Amino acid sequence: MFISRGPSGRLDPSDAVFVDVIHTDAGSLLGGHFGYLGSLGHVDFFPNGGSSMKGCASVASAAVGALVTSGDGE
């Protein structure tokens, strides 16, 4: 989403005196991720490598779960 944008179109170290970033769900959009893997701040943290967070469903499984449970119960 923000890969093709320059610093003016996304978070950047020049946006504040100190920018710290916690990356979650980082990876390719084709892989079902929405986060950005590149460094964006003065300090960047990548818990669990920045991609999969323990206890969180993947986008694909969350979408399937929403479809299954979105009926009106009849």
PDB file of N, CA and C in Angstrom:
ATOM      1  N   MET A   1       0.822  -1.181   0.000  1.00  0.00           N
ATOM      2  CA  MET A   1       0.000   0.000   0.000  1.00  0.00           C
ATOM      3  C   MET A   1       0.877   1.259   0.000  1.00  0.00           C
ATOM      4  N   PHE A   2       1.914   1.262   0.829  1.00  0.00           N
ATOM      5  CA  PHE A   2       2.753   2.452   0.929  1.00  0.00           C
ATOM      6  C   PHE A   2       4.100   2.272   0.246  1.00  0.00           C
ATOM      7  N   ILE A   3       4.297   1.133  -0.410  1.00  0.00           N
ATOM      8  CA  ILE A   3       5.588   0.833  -1.014  1.00  0.00           C
ATOM      9  C   ILE A   3       5.954   1.856  -2.082  1.00  0.00           C
ATOM     10  N   SER A   4       5.005   2.224  -2.914  1.00  0.00           N
ATOM     11  CA  SER A   4       5.302   3.127  -4.023  1.00  0.00           C
ATOM     12  C   SER A   4       5.276   4.597  -3.627  1.00  0.00           C
ATOM     13  N   ARG A   5       4.905   4.886  -2.415  1.00  0.00           N
ATOM     14  CA  ARG A   5       4.845   6.282  -1.974  1.00  0.00           C
ATOM     15  C   ARG A   5       6.180   6.700  -1.375  1.00  0.00           C
ATOM     16  N   GLY A   6       6.529   7.931  -1.602  1.00  0.00           N
ATOM     17  CA  GLY A   6       7.741   8.477  -1.005  1.00  0.00           C
ATOM     18  C   GLY A   6       7.462   8.938   0.417  1.00  0.00           C
ATOM     19  N   PRO A   7       8.440   9.539   1.071  1.00  0.00           N
ATOM     20  CA  PRO A   7       8.273   9.991   2.453  1.00  0.00           C
ATOM     21  C   PRO A   7       7.092  10.932   2.676  1.00  0.00           C
ATOM     22  N   SER A   8       6.696  11.692   1.668  1.00  0.00           N
ATOM     23  CA  SER A   8       5.573  12.617   1.849  1.00  0.00           C
ATOM     24  C   SER A   8       4.230  11.893   1.906  1.00  0.00           C
ATOM     25  N   GLY A   9       4.174  10.628   1.459  1.00  0.00           N
ATOM     26  CA  GLY A   9       2.922   9.877   1.440  1.00  0.00           C
ATOM     27  C   GLY A   9       2.814   8.805   2.500  1.00  0.00           C
ATOM     28  N   ARG A  10       3.776   8.754   3.434  1.00  0.00           N
ATOM     29  CA  ARG A  10       3.757   7.750   4.498  1.00  0.00           C
ATOM     30  C   ARG A  10       4.516   8.296   5.706  1.00  0.00           C
ATOM     31  N   LEU A  11       4.515   7.545   6.773  1.00  0.00           N
ATOM     32  CA  LEU A  11       5.255   7.929   7.974  1.00  0.00           C
ATOM     33  C   LEU A  11       6.739   7.998   7.656  1.00  0.00           C
ATOM     34  N   ASP A  12       7.415   8.986   8.242  1.00  0.00           N
ATOM     35  CA  ASP A  12       8.819   9.226   7.933  1.00  0.00           C
ATOM     36  C   ASP A  12       9.489   9.842   9.165  1.00  0.00           C
ATOM     37  N   PRO A  13      10.792   9.627   9.372  1.00  0.00           N
ATOM     38  CA  PRO A  13      11.467  10.218  10.533  1.00  0.00           C
ATOM     39  C   PRO A  13      11.359  11.743  10.610  1.00  0.00           C
ATOM     40  N   SER A  14      11.135  12.405   9.496  1.00  0.00           N
ATOM     41  CA  SER A  14      11.015  13.868   9.519  1.00  0.00           C
ATOM     42  C   SER A  14       9.646  14.339  10.016  1.00  0.00           C
ATOM     43  N   ASP A  15       8.726  13.404  10.299  1.00  0.00           N
ATOM     44  CA  ASP A  15       7.384  13.769  10.756  1.00  0.00           C
ATOM     45  C   ASP A  15       7.344  14.224  12.212  1.00  0.00           C
ATOM     46  N   ALA A  16       8.380  13.910  12.995  1.00  0.00           N
ATOM     47  CA  ALA A  16       8.403  14.285  14.412  1.00  0.00           C
ATOM     48  C   ALA A  16       9.847  14.277  14.902  1.00  0.00           C
ATOM     49  N   VAL A  17      10.045  14.786  16.115  1.00  0.00           N
ATOM     50  CA  VAL A  17      11.379  14.784  16.712  1.00  0.00           C
ATOM     51  C   VAL A  17      11.881  13.354  16.873  1.00  0.00           C
ATOM     52  N   PHE A  18      10.987  12.447  17.284  1.00  0.00           N
ATOM     53  CA  PHE A  18      11.349  11.035  17.433  1.00  0.00           C
ATOM     54  C   PHE A  18      10.176  10.179  16.975  1.00  0.00           C
ATOM     55  N   VAL A  19      10.406   9.338  15.998  1.00  0.00           N
ATOM     56  CA  VAL A  19       9.365   8.459  15.456  1.00  0.00           C
ATOM     57  C   VAL A  19       9.758   7.019  15.756  1.00  0.00           C
ATOM     58  N   ASP A  20       8.944   6.332  16.588  1.00  0.00           N
ATOM     59  CA  ASP A  20       9.168   4.903  16.796  1.00  0.00           C
ATOM     60  C   ASP A  20       7.990   4.149  16.203  1.00  0.00           C
ATOM     61  N   VAL A  21       8.289   3.040  15.543  1.00  0.00           N
ATOM     62  CA  VAL A  21       7.299   2.296  14.773  1.00  0.00           C
ATOM     63  C   VAL A  21       7.280   0.851  15.242  1.00  0.00           C
ATOM     64  N   ILE A  22       6.082   0.315  15.465  1.00  0.00           N
ATOM     65  CA  ILE A  22       5.909  -1.105  15.766  1.00  0.00           C
ATOM     66  C   ILE A  22       5.220  -1.719  14.557  1.00  0.00           C
ATOM     67  N   HIS A  23       5.936  -2.569  13.852  1.00  0.00           N
ATOM     68  CA  HIS A  23       5.423  -3.191  12.630  1.00  0.00           C
ATOM     69  C   HIS A  23       4.653  -4.469  12.968  1.00  0.00           C
ATOM     70  N   THR A  24       3.433  -4.558  12.490  1.00  0.00           N
ATOM     71  CA  THR A  24       2.627  -5.777  12.618  1.00  0.00           C
ATOM     72  C   THR A  24       2.019  -6.087  11.259  1.00  0.00           C
ATOM     73  N   ASP A  25       1.790  -7.335  10.985  1.00  0.00           N
ATOM     74  CA  ASP A  25       1.195  -7.785   9.723  1.00  0.00           C
ATOM     75  C   ASP A  25       1.996  -7.316   8.512  1.00  0.00           C
ATOM     76  N   ALA A  26       3.322  -7.263   8.659  1.00  0.00           N
ATOM     77  CA  ALA A  26       4.177  -6.806   7.568  1.00  0.00           C
ATOM     78  C   ALA A  26       4.443  -7.926   6.576  1.00  0.00           C
ATOM     79  N   GLY A  27       4.479  -7.582   5.331  1.00  0.00           N
ATOM     80  CA  GLY A  27       4.743  -8.541   4.261  1.00  0.00           C
ATOM     81  C   GLY A  27       4.041  -8.100   2.994  1.00  0.00           C
ATOM     82  N   SER A  28       3.997  -8.987   2.033  1.00  0.00           N
ATOM     83  CA  SER A  28       3.391  -8.632   0.748  1.00  0.00           C
ATOM     84  C   SER A  28       1.867  -8.705   0.812  1.00  0.00           C
ATOM     85  N   LEU A  29       1.224  -7.851   0.063  1.00  0.00           N
ATOM     86  CA  LEU A  29      -0.235  -7.845  -0.025  1.00  0.00           C
ATOM     87  C   LEU A  29      -0.730  -9.158  -0.621  1.00  0.00           C
ATOM     88  N   LEU A  30       0.009  -9.700  -1.584  1.00  0.00           N
ATOM     89  CA  LEU A  30      -0.366 -10.984  -2.181  1.00  0.00           C
ATOM     90  C   LEU A  30      -0.290 -12.116  -1.161  1.00  0.00           C
ATOM     91  N   GLY A  31       0.554 -11.958  -0.158  1.00  0.00           N
ATOM     92  CA  GLY A  31       0.670 -12.951   0.905  1.00  0.00           C
ATOM     93  C   GLY A  31      -0.358 -12.749   2.004  1.00  0.00           C
ATOM     94  N   GLY A  32      -1.260 -11.779   1.825  1.00  0.00           N
ATOM     95  CA  GLY A  32      -2.305 -11.530   2.808  1.00  0.00           C
ATOM     96  C   GLY A  32      -1.903 -10.589   3.923  1.00  0.00           C
ATOM     97  N   HIS A  33      -0.838  -9.820   3.712  1.00  0.00           N
ATOM     98  CA  HIS A  33      -0.361  -8.882   4.729  1.00  0.00           C
ATOM     99  C   HIS A  33      -0.637  -7.450   4.290  1.00  0.00           C
ATOM    100  N   PHE A  34      -0.818  -6.579   5.277  1.00  0.00           N
ATOM    101  CA  PHE A  34      -1.089  -5.173   4.979  1.00  0.00           C
ATOM    102  C   PHE A  34      -0.020  -4.237   5.525  1.00  0.00           C
ATOM    103  N   GLY A  35       0.900  -4.749   6.347  1.00  0.00           N
ATOM    104  CA  GLY A  35       1.938  -3.921   6.948  1.00  0.00           C
ATOM    105  C   GLY A  35       3.144  -3.736   6.041  1.00  0.00           C
ATOM    106  N   TYR A  36       3.990  -2.801   6.411  1.00  0.00           N
ATOM    107  CA  TYR A  36       5.170  -2.420   5.629  1.00  0.00           C
ATOM    108  C   TYR A  36       6.426  -2.969   6.305  1.00  0.00           C
ATOM    109  N   LEU A  37       7.290  -3.634   5.550  1.00  0.00           N
ATOM    110  CA  LEU A  37       8.505  -4.238   6.101  1.00  0.00           C
ATOM    111  C   LEU A  37       9.682  -3.269   6.197  1.00  0.00           C
ATOM    112  N   GLY A  38       9.646  -2.193   5.460  1.00  0.00           N
ATOM    113  CA  GLY A  38      10.761  -1.254   5.467  1.00  0.00           C
ATOM    114  C   GLY A  38      10.791  -0.398   6.716  1.00  0.00           C
ATOM    115  N   SER A  39      11.949   0.164   7.012  1.00  0.00           N
ATOM    116  CA  SER A  39      12.084   1.067   8.154  1.00  0.00           C
ATOM    117  C   SER A  39      11.364   2.376   7.852  1.00  0.00           C
ATOM    118  N   LEU A  40      10.647   2.871   8.851  1.00  0.00           N
ATOM    119  CA  LEU A  40       9.866   4.095   8.672  1.00  0.00           C
ATOM    120  C   LEU A  40      10.207   5.178   9.691  1.00  0.00           C
ATOM    121  N   GLY A  41      10.815   4.809  10.804  1.00  0.00           N
ATOM    122  CA  GLY A  41      11.063   5.772  11.866  1.00  0.00           C
ATOM    123  C   GLY A  41      12.520   5.830  12.263  1.00  0.00           C
ATOM    124  N   HIS A  42      12.774   6.550  13.369  1.00  0.00           N
ATOM    125  CA  HIS A  42      14.113   6.565  13.933  1.00  0.00           C
ATOM    126  C   HIS A  42      14.439   5.195  14.517  1.00  0.00           C
ATOM    127  N   VAL A  43      13.428   4.556  15.096  1.00  0.00           N
ATOM    128  CA  VAL A  43      13.551   3.206  15.651  1.00  0.00           C
ATOM    129  C   VAL A  43      12.359   2.400  15.160  1.00  0.00           C
ATOM    130  N   ASP A  44      12.615   1.218  14.635  1.00  0.00           N
ATOM    131  CA  ASP A  44      11.556   0.333  14.147  1.00  0.00           C
ATOM    132  C   ASP A  44      11.628  -0.985  14.898  1.00  0.00           C
ATOM    133  N   PHE A  45      10.495  -1.429  15.438  1.00  0.00           N
ATOM    134  CA  PHE A  45      10.399  -2.700  16.148  1.00  0.00           C
ATOM    135  C   PHE A  45       9.589  -3.673  15.301  1.00  0.00           C
ATOM    136  N   PHE A  46      10.032  -4.912  15.246  1.00  0.00           N
ATOM    137  CA  PHE A  46       9.380  -5.961  14.468  1.00  0.00           C
ATOM    138  C   PHE A  46       9.105  -7.162  15.370  1.00  0.00           C
ATOM    139  N   PRO A  47       8.125  -7.079  16.299  1.00  0.00           N
ATOM    140  CA  PRO A  47       7.842  -8.237  17.150  1.00  0.00           C
ATOM    141  C   PRO A  47       7.438  -9.438  16.298  1.00  0.00           C
ATOM    142  N   ASN A  48       7.945 -10.611  16.644  1.00  0.00           N
ATOM    143  CA  ASN A  48       7.693 -11.838  15.862  1.00  0.00           C
ATOM    144  C   ASN A  48       8.065 -11.658  14.399  1.00  0.00           C
ATOM    145  N   GLY A  49       9.077 -10.874  14.131  1.00  0.00           N
ATOM    146  CA  GLY A  49       9.492 -10.635  12.749  1.00  0.00           C
ATOM    147  C   GLY A  49       8.620  -9.621  12.025  1.00  0.00           C
ATOM    148  N   GLY A  50       7.632  -9.068  12.710  1.00  0.00           N
ATOM    149  CA  GLY A  50       6.767  -8.051  12.123  1.00  0.00           C
ATOM    150  C   GLY A  50       5.587  -8.580  11.342  1.00  0.00           C
ATOM    151  N   SER A  51       5.502  -9.894  11.171  1.00  0.00           N
ATOM    152  CA  SER A  51       4.410 -10.402  10.332  1.00  0.00           C
ATOM    153  C   SER A  51       3.284 -11.017  11.152  1.00  0.00           C
ATOM    154  N   SER A  52       3.413 -12.229  11.566  1.00  0.00           N
ATOM    155  CA  SER A  52       2.315 -12.915  12.266  1.00  0.00           C
ATOM    156  C   SER A  52       2.382 -12.657  13.766  1.00  0.00           C
ATOM    157  N   MET A  53       1.285 -12.209  14.335  1.00  0.00           N
ATOM    158  CA  MET A  53       1.214 -11.969  15.766  1.00  0.00           C
ATOM    159  C   MET A  53       0.494 -13.131  16.441  1.00  0.00           C
ATOM    160  N   LYS A  54       1.090 -13.662  17.483  1.00  0.00           N
ATOM    161  CA  LYS A  54       0.512 -14.796  18.198  1.00  0.00           C
ATOM    162  C   LYS A  54      -0.903 -14.455  18.672  1.00  0.00           C
ATOM    163  N   GLY A  55      -1.835 -15.362  18.413  1.00  0.00           N
ATOM    164  CA  GLY A  55      -3.215 -15.174  18.838  1.00  0.00           C
ATOM    165  C   GLY A  55      -4.080 -14.416  17.848  1.00  0.00           C
ATOM    166  N   CYS A  56      -3.499 -13.923  16.774  1.00  0.00           N
ATOM    167  CA  CYS A  56      -4.264 -13.186  15.766  1.00  0.00           C
ATOM    168  C   CYS A  56      -4.492 -14.068  14.547  1.00  0.00           C
ATOM    169  N   ALA A  57      -5.705 -14.053  14.058  1.00  0.00           N
ATOM    170  CA  ALA A  57      -6.038 -14.835  12.865  1.00  0.00           C
ATOM    171  C   ALA A  57      -5.452 -14.167  11.631  1.00  0.00           C
ATOM    172  N   SER A  58      -5.141 -14.955  10.629  1.00  0.00           N
ATOM    173  CA  SER A  58      -4.685 -14.383   9.365  1.00  0.00           C
ATOM    174  C   SER A  58      -5.861 -13.688   8.686  1.00  0.00           C
ATOM    175  N   VAL A  59      -5.567 -12.830   7.741  1.00  0.00           N
ATOM    176  CA  VAL A  59      -6.620 -12.115   7.018  1.00  0.00           C
ATOM    177  C   VAL A  59      -7.548 -13.105   6.334  1.00  0.00           C
ATOM    178  N   ALA A  60      -6.978 -14.138   5.713  1.00  0.00           N
ATOM    179  CA  ALA A  60      -7.793 -15.126   4.998  1.00  0.00           C
ATOM    180  C   ALA A  60      -8.721 -15.870   5.948  1.00  0.00           C
ATOM    181  N   SER A  61      -8.212 -16.336   7.085  1.00  0.00           N
ATOM    182  CA  SER A  61      -9.079 -17.078   8.001  1.00  0.00           C
ATOM    183  C   SER A  61     -10.105 -16.161   8.658  1.00  0.00           C
ATOM    184  N   ALA A  62      -9.753 -14.906   8.897  1.00  0.00           N
ATOM    185  CA  ALA A  62     -10.716 -13.954   9.453  1.00  0.00           C
ATOM    186  C   ALA A  62     -11.839 -13.683   8.455  1.00  0.00           C
ATOM    187  N   ALA A  63     -11.492 -13.578   7.172  1.00  0.00           N
ATOM    188  CA  ALA A  63     -12.509 -13.334   6.141  1.00  0.00           C
ATOM    189  C   ALA A  63     -13.453 -14.520   6.018  1.00  0.00           C
ATOM    190  N   VAL A  64     -12.906 -15.732   6.039  1.00  0.00           N
ATOM    191  CA  VAL A  64     -13.749 -16.929   5.970  1.00  0.00           C
ATOM    192  C   VAL A  64     -14.642 -17.006   7.198  1.00  0.00           C
ATOM    193  N   GLY A  65     -14.098 -16.724   8.366  1.00  0.00           N
ATOM    194  CA  GLY A  65     -14.896 -16.735   9.592  1.00  0.00           C
ATOM    195  C   GLY A  65     -16.020 -15.724   9.548  1.00  0.00           C
ATOM    196  N   ALA A  66     -15.755 -14.551   8.993  1.00  0.00           N
ATOM    197  CA  ALA A  66     -16.790 -13.524   8.877  1.00  0.00           C
ATOM    198  C   ALA A  66     -17.894 -13.971   7.928  1.00  0.00           C
ATOM    199  N   LEU A  67     -17.529 -14.632   6.849  1.00  0.00           N
ATOM    200  CA  LEU A  67     -18.537 -15.123   5.906  1.00  0.00           C
ATOM    201  C   LEU A  67     -19.406 -16.204   6.534  1.00  0.00           C
ATOM    202  N   VAL A  68     -18.780 -17.088   7.292  1.00  0.00           N
ATOM    203  CA  VAL A  68     -19.509 -18.195   7.914  1.00  0.00           C
ATOM    204  C   VAL A  68     -20.470 -17.688   8.980  1.00  0.00           C
ATOM    205  N   THR A  69     -20.073 -16.677   9.731  1.00  0.00           N
ATOM    206  CA  THR A  69     -20.901 -16.198  10.841  1.00  0.00           C
ATOM    207  C   THR A  69     -21.770 -14.996  10.493  1.00  0.00           C
ATOM    208  N   SER A  70     -21.786 -14.571   9.231  1.00  0.00           N
ATOM    209  CA  SER A  70     -22.535 -13.360   8.882  1.00  0.00           C
ATOM    210  C   SER A  70     -23.992 -13.622   8.525  1.00  0.00           C
ATOM    211  N   GLY A  71     -24.428 -14.860   8.573  1.00  0.00           N
ATOM    212  CA  GLY A  71     -25.828 -15.167   8.265  1.00  0.00           C
ATOM    213  C   GLY A  71     -26.769 -14.627   9.322  1.00  0.00           C
ATOM    214  N   ASP A  72     -28.053 -14.658   9.034  1.00  0.00           N
ATOM    215  CA  ASP A  72     -29.037 -14.130   9.981  1.00  0.00           C
ATOM    216  C   ASP A  72     -29.539 -15.203  10.943  1.00  0.00           C
ATOM    217  N   GLY A  73     -28.913 -16.376  10.930  1.00  0.00           N
ATOM    218  CA  GLY A  73     -29.267 -17.423  11.886  1.00  0.00           C
ATOM    219  C   GLY A  73     -30.406 -18.313  11.454  1.00  0.00           C
ATOM    220  N   GLU A  74     -30.942 -18.121  10.279  1.00  0.00           N
ATOM    221  CA  GLU A  74     -32.058 -18.958   9.820  1.00  0.00           C
ATOM    222  C   GLU A  74     -31.586 -20.104   8.982  1.00  0.00           C
TER     223      GLU A  74
END
